[in-house]
Amino acid sequence: MEGFSNERFDFGRMGYGCQHYRRRCLIRAPCCNEIFPCRHCHNDATNMLRNPMDRHELDRHDVKQVVCAVCDTEQPAAHVCTNCGVNMGEYFCEVDKMQFHCDDCGICRVGGRENFFHCKKCGSCYSVALRDNHLCIENSMRHHCPICYEYLFDSLKNTTVLTCGHTMHSDCCEEMLKRDKYCCPICSKSVIDMSRTWKRLDEEALSLDNCSLHIQIEATTMPEEYRAKKVWILCNDCNDTTEVYFHILGQKCSHCKSYNTCQIARPVLP
């Protein structure tokens, strides 16, 4: 595997620590036996490796050895250096991020305790705006973002809870919507209200100027051999299965009127 150099981290300019934490120790990553200021610096560095097989993330619980940034002594993880006695475990941020410790998460969060609550079922801290206002999925934060594949639970980036209950980075979600992708990458449910889009698809008028984006279902005549064809579909939004007339441009769910559907095999009757 490609080696790392601590020269990439300008400790003299930044003082003790890194852009994530200001503290007087570095960590020895057991996965690659290299030294980094923190696990986030490790993950950022390994994610840039050319060989995808070398990319990996560090579990903070695996760190057993630290290096004192004052006297350069490597030792088992502890708050106080065994050689010079400096306190290595305390850290601070020059910009007040209102750090707080969540006992249920077992880690520190940023943003102010009053602005977050811990959801027992989802297993993570969420903004108070989501209290009683999100669909719970057990341990929904204990997985990787489906877009960038960064582990969500201890990520420093803002997280969005989709209407289906799955989670992803807010920035990743915004980028996904900019690219006209409106379905959850995990379960395929619509992540925003698509009712206006479905209504446009039902309209009879055909806009020639915008046919690539707003081509209308009912205004498009099907070839003779397809007019009587029926297919079974699964609706990704309501999970209902129905038999509908086939249309080359899309099948509409008879239950919730969504076009977010996929064709399935005919159900097997008992």
C-alpha atoms as a PDB file:
ATOM      1  CA  MET A   1       0.000   0.000   0.000  1.00  0.00           C
ATOM      2  CA  GLU A   2       1.114   3.540  -0.684  1.00  0.00           C
ATOM      3  CA  GLY A   3       2.794   5.134   2.314  1.00  0.00           C
ATOM      4  CA  PHE A   4       1.653   8.298   4.031  1.00  0.00           C
ATOM      5  CA  SER A   5       3.753  11.224   5.166  1.00  0.00           C
ATOM      6  CA  ASN A   6       2.901  13.387   8.143  1.00  0.00           C
ATOM      7  CA  GLU A   7       4.275  16.298   6.142  1.00  0.00           C
ATOM      8  CA  ARG A   8       0.803  16.584   4.632  1.00  0.00           C
ATOM      9  CA  PHE A   9      -0.389  17.884   8.034  1.00  0.00           C
ATOM     10  CA  ASP A  10       1.147  21.308   8.796  1.00  0.00           C
ATOM     11  CA  PHE A  11       1.357  21.087  12.580  1.00  0.00           C
ATOM     12  CA  GLY A  12       3.621  24.132  12.897  1.00  0.00           C
ATOM     13  CA  ARG A  13       1.095  26.360  11.152  1.00  0.00           C
ATOM     14  CA  MET A  14      -1.997  24.933  12.774  1.00  0.00           C
ATOM     15  CA  GLY A  15      -0.661  24.340  16.277  1.00  0.00           C
ATOM     16  CA  TYR A  16      -1.289  21.007  17.985  1.00  0.00           C
ATOM     17  CA  GLY A  17      -3.870  18.872  16.239  1.00  0.00           C
ATOM     18  CA  CYS A  18      -5.649  19.309  12.933  1.00  0.00           C
ATOM     19  CA  GLN A  19      -8.682  20.964  11.356  1.00  0.00           C
ATOM     20  CA  HIS A  20     -10.924  18.490  13.159  1.00  0.00           C
ATOM     21  CA  TYR A  21      -9.468  18.493  16.684  1.00  0.00           C
ATOM     22  CA  ARG A  22      -6.909  20.613  18.536  1.00  0.00           C
ATOM     23  CA  ARG A  23      -5.139  18.255  20.941  1.00  0.00           C
ATOM     24  CA  ARG A  24      -1.633  17.247  21.950  1.00  0.00           C
ATOM     25  CA  CYS A  25      -1.462  13.748  20.537  1.00  0.00           C
ATOM     26  CA  LEU A  26      -1.582  11.819  17.285  1.00  0.00           C
ATOM     27  CA  ILE A  27      -2.956   8.338  16.726  1.00  0.00           C
ATOM     28  CA  ARG A  28      -1.369   5.188  15.351  1.00  0.00           C
ATOM     29  CA  ALA A  29      -3.828   3.619  12.898  1.00  0.00           C
ATOM     30  CA  PRO A  30      -3.644  -0.168  13.462  1.00  0.00           C
ATOM     31  CA  CYS A  31      -5.155  -0.872  10.037  1.00  0.00           C
ATOM     32  CA  CYS A  32      -2.197   0.595   8.135  1.00  0.00           C
ATOM     33  CA  ASN A  33       0.301   1.245  10.965  1.00  0.00           C
ATOM     34  CA  GLU A  34       0.553   4.935  10.015  1.00  0.00           C
ATOM     35  CA  ILE A  35       0.305   8.013  12.260  1.00  0.00           C
ATOM     36  CA  PHE A  36      -2.444  10.616  11.800  1.00  0.00           C
ATOM     37  CA  PRO A  37      -3.788  13.553  13.819  1.00  0.00           C
ATOM     38  CA  CYS A  38      -7.233  11.904  14.060  1.00  0.00           C
ATOM     39  CA  ARG A  39      -9.433   9.260  12.467  1.00  0.00           C
ATOM     40  CA  HIS A  40     -11.035  11.794  10.122  1.00  0.00           C
ATOM     41  CA  CYS A  41      -7.605  12.772   8.756  1.00  0.00           C
ATOM     42  CA  HIS A  42      -6.895   9.058   8.258  1.00  0.00           C
ATOM     43  CA  ASN A  43     -10.159   8.514   6.393  1.00  0.00           C
ATOM     44  CA  ASP A  44      -9.656  11.593   4.207  1.00  0.00           C
ATOM     45  CA  ALA A  45      -6.149  10.407   3.265  1.00  0.00           C
ATOM     46  CA  THR A  46      -7.018   6.774   2.538  1.00  0.00           C
ATOM     47  CA  ASN A  47     -10.058   7.727   0.476  1.00  0.00           C
ATOM     48  CA  MET A  48      -7.711   9.540  -1.930  1.00  0.00           C
ATOM     49  CA  LEU A  49      -5.534   6.485  -2.615  1.00  0.00           C
ATOM     50  CA  ARG A  50      -5.367   5.466  -6.273  1.00  0.00           C
ATOM     51  CA  ASN A  51      -5.947   1.769  -5.650  1.00  0.00           C
ATOM     52  CA  PRO A  52      -9.541   1.236  -4.478  1.00  0.00           C
ATOM     53  CA  MET A  53      -8.432  -1.916  -2.650  1.00  0.00           C
ATOM     54  CA  ASP A  54      -6.258   0.235  -0.355  1.00  0.00           C
ATOM     55  CA  ARG A  55      -9.077   2.571   0.653  1.00  0.00           C
ATOM     56  CA  HIS A  56     -10.434   1.939   4.120  1.00  0.00           C
ATOM     57  CA  GLU A  57     -11.822   3.679   7.193  1.00  0.00           C
ATOM     58  CA  LEU A  58     -10.570   3.643  10.766  1.00  0.00           C
ATOM     59  CA  ASP A  59     -12.757   2.520  13.638  1.00  0.00           C
ATOM     60  CA  ARG A  60     -11.905   4.800  16.562  1.00  0.00           C
ATOM     61  CA  HIS A  61     -12.324   1.896  19.000  1.00  0.00           C
ATOM     62  CA  ASP A  62      -9.421   0.087  17.320  1.00  0.00           C
ATOM     63  CA  VAL A  63      -6.894   2.799  18.217  1.00  0.00           C
ATOM     64  CA  LYS A  64      -4.590   1.509  20.970  1.00  0.00           C
ATOM     65  CA  GLN A  65      -1.433   3.614  20.506  1.00  0.00           C
ATOM     66  CA  VAL A  66      -0.967   7.398  20.493  1.00  0.00           C
ATOM     67  CA  VAL A  67       2.038   9.676  20.004  1.00  0.00           C
ATOM     68  CA  CYS A  68       2.585  12.696  22.250  1.00  0.00           C
ATOM     69  CA  ALA A  69       2.807  15.803  20.040  1.00  0.00           C
ATOM     70  CA  VAL A  70       5.016  17.543  22.636  1.00  0.00           C
ATOM     71  CA  CYS A  71       7.767  14.974  23.291  1.00  0.00           C
ATOM     72  CA  ASP A  72       7.089  12.543  20.406  1.00  0.00           C
ATOM     73  CA  THR A  73       6.716   9.543  22.734  1.00  0.00           C
ATOM     74  CA  GLU A  74       4.565   6.680  21.464  1.00  0.00           C
ATOM     75  CA  GLN A  75       2.530   4.971  24.172  1.00  0.00           C
ATOM     76  CA  PRO A  76      -0.808   3.259  24.923  1.00  0.00           C
ATOM     77  CA  ALA A  77      -3.810   5.559  24.591  1.00  0.00           C
ATOM     78  CA  ALA A  78      -4.258   7.734  27.706  1.00  0.00           C
ATOM     79  CA  HIS A  79      -5.131  11.295  28.704  1.00  0.00           C
ATOM     80  CA  VAL A  80      -1.683  12.124  30.128  1.00  0.00           C
ATOM     81  CA  CYS A  81       1.705  11.525  28.463  1.00  0.00           C
ATOM     82  CA  THR A  82       3.769   8.965  30.374  1.00  0.00           C
ATOM     83  CA  ASN A  83       6.995  10.816  29.484  1.00  0.00           C
ATOM     84  CA  CYS A  84       6.409  14.579  29.780  1.00  0.00           C
ATOM     85  CA  GLY A  85       3.135  14.589  31.709  1.00  0.00           C
ATOM     86  CA  VAL A  86       1.267  16.869  29.306  1.00  0.00           C
ATOM     87  CA  ASN A  87      -2.498  16.404  29.075  1.00  0.00           C
ATOM     88  CA  MET A  88      -3.085  14.852  25.639  1.00  0.00           C
ATOM     89  CA  GLY A  89      -6.773  14.090  25.921  1.00  0.00           C
ATOM     90  CA  GLU A  90      -8.269  17.557  26.150  1.00  0.00           C
ATOM     91  CA  TYR A  91      -8.943  19.321  22.887  1.00  0.00           C
ATOM     92  CA  PHE A  92     -10.571  22.562  21.862  1.00  0.00           C
ATOM     93  CA  CYS A  93     -11.673  24.392  18.748  1.00  0.00           C
ATOM     94  CA  GLU A  94     -10.777  27.977  17.942  1.00  0.00           C
ATOM     95  CA  VAL A  95     -14.271  28.378  16.493  1.00  0.00           C
ATOM     96  CA  ASP A  96     -16.991  27.559  19.004  1.00  0.00           C
ATOM     97  CA  LYS A  97     -18.798  24.516  17.615  1.00  0.00           C
ATOM     98  CA  MET A  98     -20.806  23.986  20.850  1.00  0.00           C
ATOM     99  CA  GLN A  99     -19.483  20.483  21.379  1.00  0.00           C
ATOM    100  CA  PHE A 100     -21.403  18.144  23.656  1.00  0.00           C
ATOM    101  CA  HIS A 101     -21.117  14.496  24.635  1.00  0.00           C
ATOM    102  CA  CYS A 102     -24.008  12.118  23.946  1.00  0.00           C
ATOM    103  CA  ASP A 103     -23.958   9.214  26.380  1.00  0.00           C
ATOM    104  CA  ASP A 104     -26.203   7.095  24.139  1.00  0.00           C
ATOM    105  CA  CYS A 105     -24.044   7.666  21.041  1.00  0.00           C
ATOM    106  CA  GLY A 106     -20.862   7.321  23.094  1.00  0.00           C
ATOM    107  CA  ILE A 107     -19.143  10.150  21.188  1.00  0.00           C
ATOM    108  CA  CYS A 108     -19.058  13.942  21.131  1.00  0.00           C
ATOM    109  CA  ARG A 109     -21.286  15.891  18.764  1.00  0.00           C
ATOM    110  CA  VAL A 110     -21.128  19.508  17.622  1.00  0.00           C
ATOM    111  CA  GLY A 111     -23.885  22.079  17.293  1.00  0.00           C
ATOM    112  CA  GLY A 112     -25.172  22.493  20.851  1.00  0.00           C
ATOM    113  CA  ARG A 113     -26.970  19.979  23.063  1.00  0.00           C
ATOM    114  CA  GLU A 114     -30.169  22.044  23.018  1.00  0.00           C
ATOM    115  CA  ASN A 115     -30.367  21.687  19.238  1.00  0.00           C
ATOM    116  CA  PHE A 116     -30.289  17.875  19.179  1.00  0.00           C
ATOM    117  CA  PHE A 117     -32.074  14.884  20.641  1.00  0.00           C
ATOM    118  CA  HIS A 118     -31.104  11.214  20.642  1.00  0.00           C
ATOM    119  CA  CYS A 119     -33.497   8.888  18.817  1.00  0.00           C
ATOM    120  CA  LYS A 120     -33.326   5.535  20.600  1.00  0.00           C
ATOM    121  CA  LYS A 121     -34.576   3.480  17.651  1.00  0.00           C
ATOM    122  CA  CYS A 122     -32.485   5.189  14.953  1.00  0.00           C
ATOM    123  CA  GLY A 123     -29.517   5.061  17.339  1.00  0.00           C
ATOM    124  CA  SER A 124     -28.170   8.566  16.745  1.00  0.00           C
ATOM    125  CA  CYS A 125     -28.586  12.270  17.485  1.00  0.00           C
ATOM    126  CA  TYR A 126     -30.900  14.232  15.215  1.00  0.00           C
ATOM    127  CA  SER A 127     -31.904  17.894  14.978  1.00  0.00           C
ATOM    128  CA  VAL A 128     -34.813  18.790  17.273  1.00  0.00           C
ATOM    129  CA  ALA A 129     -36.766  19.653  14.096  1.00  0.00           C
ATOM    130  CA  LEU A 130     -37.005  15.892  13.448  1.00  0.00           C
ATOM    131  CA  ARG A 131     -38.445  15.013  16.882  1.00  0.00           C
ATOM    132  CA  ASP A 132     -41.720  13.158  16.208  1.00  0.00           C
ATOM    133  CA  ASN A 133     -41.242  14.219  12.585  1.00  0.00           C
ATOM    134  CA  HIS A 134     -39.334  11.365  10.952  1.00  0.00           C
ATOM    135  CA  LEU A 135     -39.834   7.697  10.145  1.00  0.00           C
ATOM    136  CA  CYS A 136     -37.682   5.605  12.475  1.00  0.00           C
ATOM    137  CA  ILE A 137     -35.538   2.792  11.121  1.00  0.00           C
ATOM    138  CA  GLU A 138     -33.523   0.795  13.627  1.00  0.00           C
ATOM    139  CA  ASN A 139     -29.851   1.852  13.571  1.00  0.00           C
ATOM    140  CA  SER A 140     -30.457   3.880  10.412  1.00  0.00           C
ATOM    141  CA  MET A 141     -27.267   5.892  10.993  1.00  0.00           C
ATOM    142  CA  ARG A 142     -25.073   2.824  11.421  1.00  0.00           C
ATOM    143  CA  HIS A 143     -24.333   2.512   7.725  1.00  0.00           C
ATOM    144  CA  HIS A 144     -22.585   4.365   4.932  1.00  0.00           C
ATOM    145  CA  CYS A 145     -24.015   7.244   2.946  1.00  0.00           C
ATOM    146  CA  PRO A 146     -25.440   5.622  -0.224  1.00  0.00           C
ATOM    147  CA  ILE A 147     -23.914   8.383  -2.375  1.00  0.00           C
ATOM    148  CA  CYS A 148     -20.362   9.015  -1.084  1.00  0.00           C
ATOM    149  CA  TYR A 149     -20.141   5.852   1.062  1.00  0.00           C
ATOM    150  CA  GLU A 150     -18.768   7.669   4.129  1.00  0.00           C
ATOM    151  CA  TYR A 151     -19.855   6.140   7.455  1.00  0.00           C
ATOM    152  CA  LEU A 152     -22.708   8.307   8.720  1.00  0.00           C
ATOM    153  CA  PHE A 153     -22.735   7.698  12.465  1.00  0.00           C
ATOM    154  CA  ASP A 154     -19.584   9.668  13.277  1.00  0.00           C
ATOM    155  CA  SER A 155     -19.462  11.842  10.166  1.00  0.00           C
ATOM    156  CA  LEU A 156     -18.863  15.560  10.704  1.00  0.00           C
ATOM    157  CA  LYS A 157     -21.159  16.449   7.793  1.00  0.00           C
ATOM    158  CA  ASN A 158     -24.838  17.321   8.183  1.00  0.00           C
ATOM    159  CA  THR A 159     -27.211  14.408   7.664  1.00  0.00           C
ATOM    160  CA  THR A 160     -30.684  14.327   6.125  1.00  0.00           C
ATOM    161  CA  VAL A 161     -33.433  11.859   7.074  1.00  0.00           C
ATOM    162  CA  LEU A 162     -35.476  11.059   3.977  1.00  0.00           C
ATOM    163  CA  THR A 163     -39.241  10.578   4.069  1.00  0.00           C
ATOM    164  CA  CYS A 164     -38.699   6.817   3.893  1.00  0.00           C
ATOM    165  CA  GLY A 165     -36.499   6.918   7.029  1.00  0.00           C
ATOM    166  CA  HIS A 166     -33.159   6.248   5.342  1.00  0.00           C
ATOM    167  CA  THR A 167     -30.315   8.679   5.916  1.00  0.00           C
ATOM    168  CA  MET A 168     -27.633  10.321   3.805  1.00  0.00           C
ATOM    169  CA  HIS A 169     -25.462  13.438   3.821  1.00  0.00           C
ATOM    170  CA  SER A 170     -27.408  16.656   3.197  1.00  0.00           C
ATOM    171  CA  ASP A 171     -24.905  17.746   0.548  1.00  0.00           C
ATOM    172  CA  CYS A 172     -25.184  14.370  -1.190  1.00  0.00           C
ATOM    173  CA  CYS A 173     -28.966  14.614  -1.184  1.00  0.00           C
ATOM    174  CA  GLU A 174     -28.885  18.104  -2.712  1.00  0.00           C
ATOM    175  CA  GLU A 175     -26.469  16.947  -5.403  1.00  0.00           C
ATOM    176  CA  MET A 176     -28.693  13.950  -6.153  1.00  0.00           C
ATOM    177  CA  LEU A 177     -31.745  16.199  -6.618  1.00  0.00           C
ATOM    178  CA  LYS A 178     -29.767  18.554  -8.862  1.00  0.00           C
ATOM    179  CA  ARG A 179     -29.149  15.582 -11.129  1.00  0.00           C
ATOM    180  CA  ASP A 180     -32.916  14.897 -11.338  1.00  0.00           C
ATOM    181  CA  LYS A 181     -32.723  11.778  -9.158  1.00  0.00           C
ATOM    182  CA  TYR A 182     -35.768  11.820  -6.894  1.00  0.00           C
ATOM    183  CA  CYS A 183     -35.757   8.298  -5.468  1.00  0.00           C
ATOM    184  CA  CYS A 184     -34.043   6.976  -2.363  1.00  0.00           C
ATOM    185  CA  PRO A 185     -30.929   5.042  -3.467  1.00  0.00           C
ATOM    186  CA  ILE A 186     -31.735   2.337  -0.906  1.00  0.00           C
ATOM    187  CA  CYS A 187     -35.481   1.663  -1.197  1.00  0.00           C
ATOM    188  CA  SER A 188     -36.425   3.658  -4.355  1.00  0.00           C
ATOM    189  CA  LYS A 189     -39.242   5.616  -2.654  1.00  0.00           C
ATOM    190  CA  SER A 190     -39.732   9.213  -3.786  1.00  0.00           C
ATOM    191  CA  VAL A 191     -37.785  11.593  -1.551  1.00  0.00           C
ATOM    192  CA  ILE A 192     -39.881  14.699  -2.365  1.00  0.00           C
ATOM    193  CA  ASP A 193     -43.530  15.376  -3.193  1.00  0.00           C
ATOM    194  CA  MET A 194     -43.902  14.306  -6.817  1.00  0.00           C
ATOM    195  CA  SER A 195     -47.675  14.883  -7.135  1.00  0.00           C
ATOM    196  CA  ARG A 196     -47.268  17.854  -9.474  1.00  0.00           C
ATOM    197  CA  THR A 197     -44.992  15.793 -11.719  1.00  0.00           C
ATOM    198  CA  TRP A 198     -47.515  12.934 -11.823  1.00  0.00           C
ATOM    199  CA  LYS A 199     -50.255  15.461 -12.661  1.00  0.00           C
ATOM    200  CA  ARG A 200     -48.251  16.812 -15.568  1.00  0.00           C
ATOM    201  CA  LEU A 201     -47.812  13.280 -16.846  1.00  0.00           C
ATOM    202  CA  ASP A 202     -51.605  12.876 -16.786  1.00  0.00           C
ATOM    203  CA  GLU A 203     -52.336  15.997 -18.785  1.00  0.00           C
ATOM    204  CA  GLU A 204     -53.489  15.584 -22.358  1.00  0.00           C
ATOM    205  CA  ALA A 205     -51.691  18.563 -23.852  1.00  0.00           C
ATOM    206  CA  LEU A 206     -48.318  17.729 -25.320  1.00  0.00           C
ATOM    207  CA  SER A 207     -45.654  20.441 -25.085  1.00  0.00           C
ATOM    208  CA  LEU A 208     -43.408  20.066 -28.101  1.00  0.00           C
ATOM    209  CA  ASP A 209     -40.924  22.575 -26.706  1.00  0.00           C
ATOM    210  CA  ASN A 210     -40.342  20.443 -23.608  1.00  0.00           C
ATOM    211  CA  CYS A 211     -41.154  16.968 -24.867  1.00  0.00           C
ATOM    212  CA  SER A 212     -37.950  15.506 -23.435  1.00  0.00           C
ATOM    213  CA  LEU A 213     -38.930  16.580 -19.904  1.00  0.00           C
ATOM    214  CA  HIS A 214     -42.724  16.854 -19.886  1.00  0.00           C
ATOM    215  CA  ILE A 215     -43.939  14.319 -22.417  1.00  0.00           C
ATOM    216  CA  GLN A 216     -47.523  13.472 -21.586  1.00  0.00           C
ATOM    217  CA  ILE A 217     -48.708   9.908 -21.102  1.00  0.00           C
ATOM    218  CA  GLU A 218     -52.337  10.243 -22.170  1.00  0.00           C
ATOM    219  CA  ALA A 219     -51.506  12.285 -25.262  1.00  0.00           C
ATOM    220  CA  THR A 220     -49.235   9.623 -26.684  1.00  0.00           C
ATOM    221  CA  THR A 221     -50.969   6.985 -28.753  1.00  0.00           C
ATOM    222  CA  MET A 222     -49.706   3.446 -28.216  1.00  0.00           C
ATOM    223  CA  PRO A 223     -49.037   1.110 -31.154  1.00  0.00           C
ATOM    224  CA  GLU A 224     -51.914  -1.256 -31.923  1.00  0.00           C
ATOM    225  CA  GLU A 225     -50.107  -4.368 -30.627  1.00  0.00           C
ATOM    226  CA  TYR A 226     -49.642  -2.787 -27.176  1.00  0.00           C
ATOM    227  CA  ARG A 227     -53.069  -1.248 -26.605  1.00  0.00           C
ATOM    228  CA  ALA A 228     -54.592  -4.307 -24.952  1.00  0.00           C
ATOM    229  CA  LYS A 229     -51.442  -5.474 -23.163  1.00  0.00           C
ATOM    230  CA  LYS A 230     -51.548  -5.597 -19.378  1.00  0.00           C
ATOM    231  CA  VAL A 231     -48.643  -5.905 -16.948  1.00  0.00           C
ATOM    232  CA  TRP A 232     -48.177  -6.255 -13.194  1.00  0.00           C
ATOM    233  CA  ILE A 233     -46.355  -3.434 -11.448  1.00  0.00           C
ATOM    234  CA  LEU A 234     -44.927  -2.719  -8.011  1.00  0.00           C
ATOM    235  CA  CYS A 235     -45.255   0.832  -6.750  1.00  0.00           C
ATOM    236  CA  ASN A 236     -42.077   1.987  -5.021  1.00  0.00           C
ATOM    237  CA  ASP A 237     -44.004   4.647  -3.109  1.00  0.00           C
ATOM    238  CA  CYS A 238     -46.915   2.706  -1.589  1.00  0.00           C
ATOM    239  CA  ASN A 239     -45.636  -0.881  -2.121  1.00  0.00           C
ATOM    240  CA  ASP A 240     -48.925  -1.871  -3.759  1.00  0.00           C
ATOM    241  CA  THR A 241     -48.984  -4.363  -6.630  1.00  0.00           C
ATOM    242  CA  THR A 242     -51.553  -3.893  -9.400  1.00  0.00           C
ATOM    243  CA  GLU A 243     -52.288  -4.993 -12.941  1.00  0.00           C
ATOM    244  CA  VAL A 244     -52.412  -2.068 -15.367  1.00  0.00           C
ATOM    245  CA  TYR A 245     -52.377  -1.428 -19.101  1.00  0.00           C
ATOM    246  CA  PHE A 246     -48.833  -1.299 -20.434  1.00  0.00           C
ATOM    247  CA  HIS A 247     -47.465   1.994 -21.673  1.00  0.00           C
ATOM    248  CA  ILE A 248     -44.001   2.491 -23.084  1.00  0.00           C
ATOM    249  CA  LEU A 249     -43.579   5.778 -21.178  1.00  0.00           C
ATOM    250  CA  GLY A 250     -44.546   4.506 -17.745  1.00  0.00           C
ATOM    251  CA  GLN A 251     -47.115   2.656 -15.662  1.00  0.00           C
ATOM    252  CA  LYS A 252     -49.320   4.483 -13.152  1.00  0.00           C
ATOM    253  CA  CYS A 253     -50.095   2.977  -9.757  1.00  0.00           C
ATOM    254  CA  SER A 254     -53.849   2.464  -9.387  1.00  0.00           C
ATOM    255  CA  HIS A 255     -53.615   2.989  -5.631  1.00  0.00           C
ATOM    256  CA  CYS A 256     -51.541   6.172  -5.022  1.00  0.00           C
ATOM    257  CA  LYS A 257     -51.389   7.445  -8.645  1.00  0.00           C
ATOM    258  CA  SER A 258     -47.575   7.467  -8.657  1.00  0.00           C
ATOM    259  CA  TYR A 259     -45.502   6.722 -11.732  1.00  0.00           C
ATOM    260  CA  ASN A 260     -42.588   5.584  -9.552  1.00  0.00           C
ATOM    261  CA  THR A 261     -43.255   1.963 -10.447  1.00  0.00           C
ATOM    262  CA  CYS A 262     -41.473  -1.050 -11.846  1.00  0.00           C
ATOM    263  CA  GLN A 263     -42.749  -4.009 -13.819  1.00  0.00           C
ATOM    264  CA  ILE A 264     -42.835  -7.355 -11.986  1.00  0.00           C
ATOM    265  CA  ALA A 265     -43.787 -10.934 -12.755  1.00  0.00           C
ATOM    266  CA  ARG A 266     -47.396 -11.999 -12.443  1.00  0.00           C
ATOM    267  CA  PRO A 267     -48.147 -13.028  -8.827  1.00  0.00           C
ATOM    268  CA  VAL A 268     -48.356 -16.770  -8.261  1.00  0.00           C
ATOM    269  CA  LEU A 269     -51.774 -17.710  -6.935  1.00  0.00           C
ATOM    270  CA  PRO A 270     -51.957 -20.434  -4.246  1.00  0.00           C
END
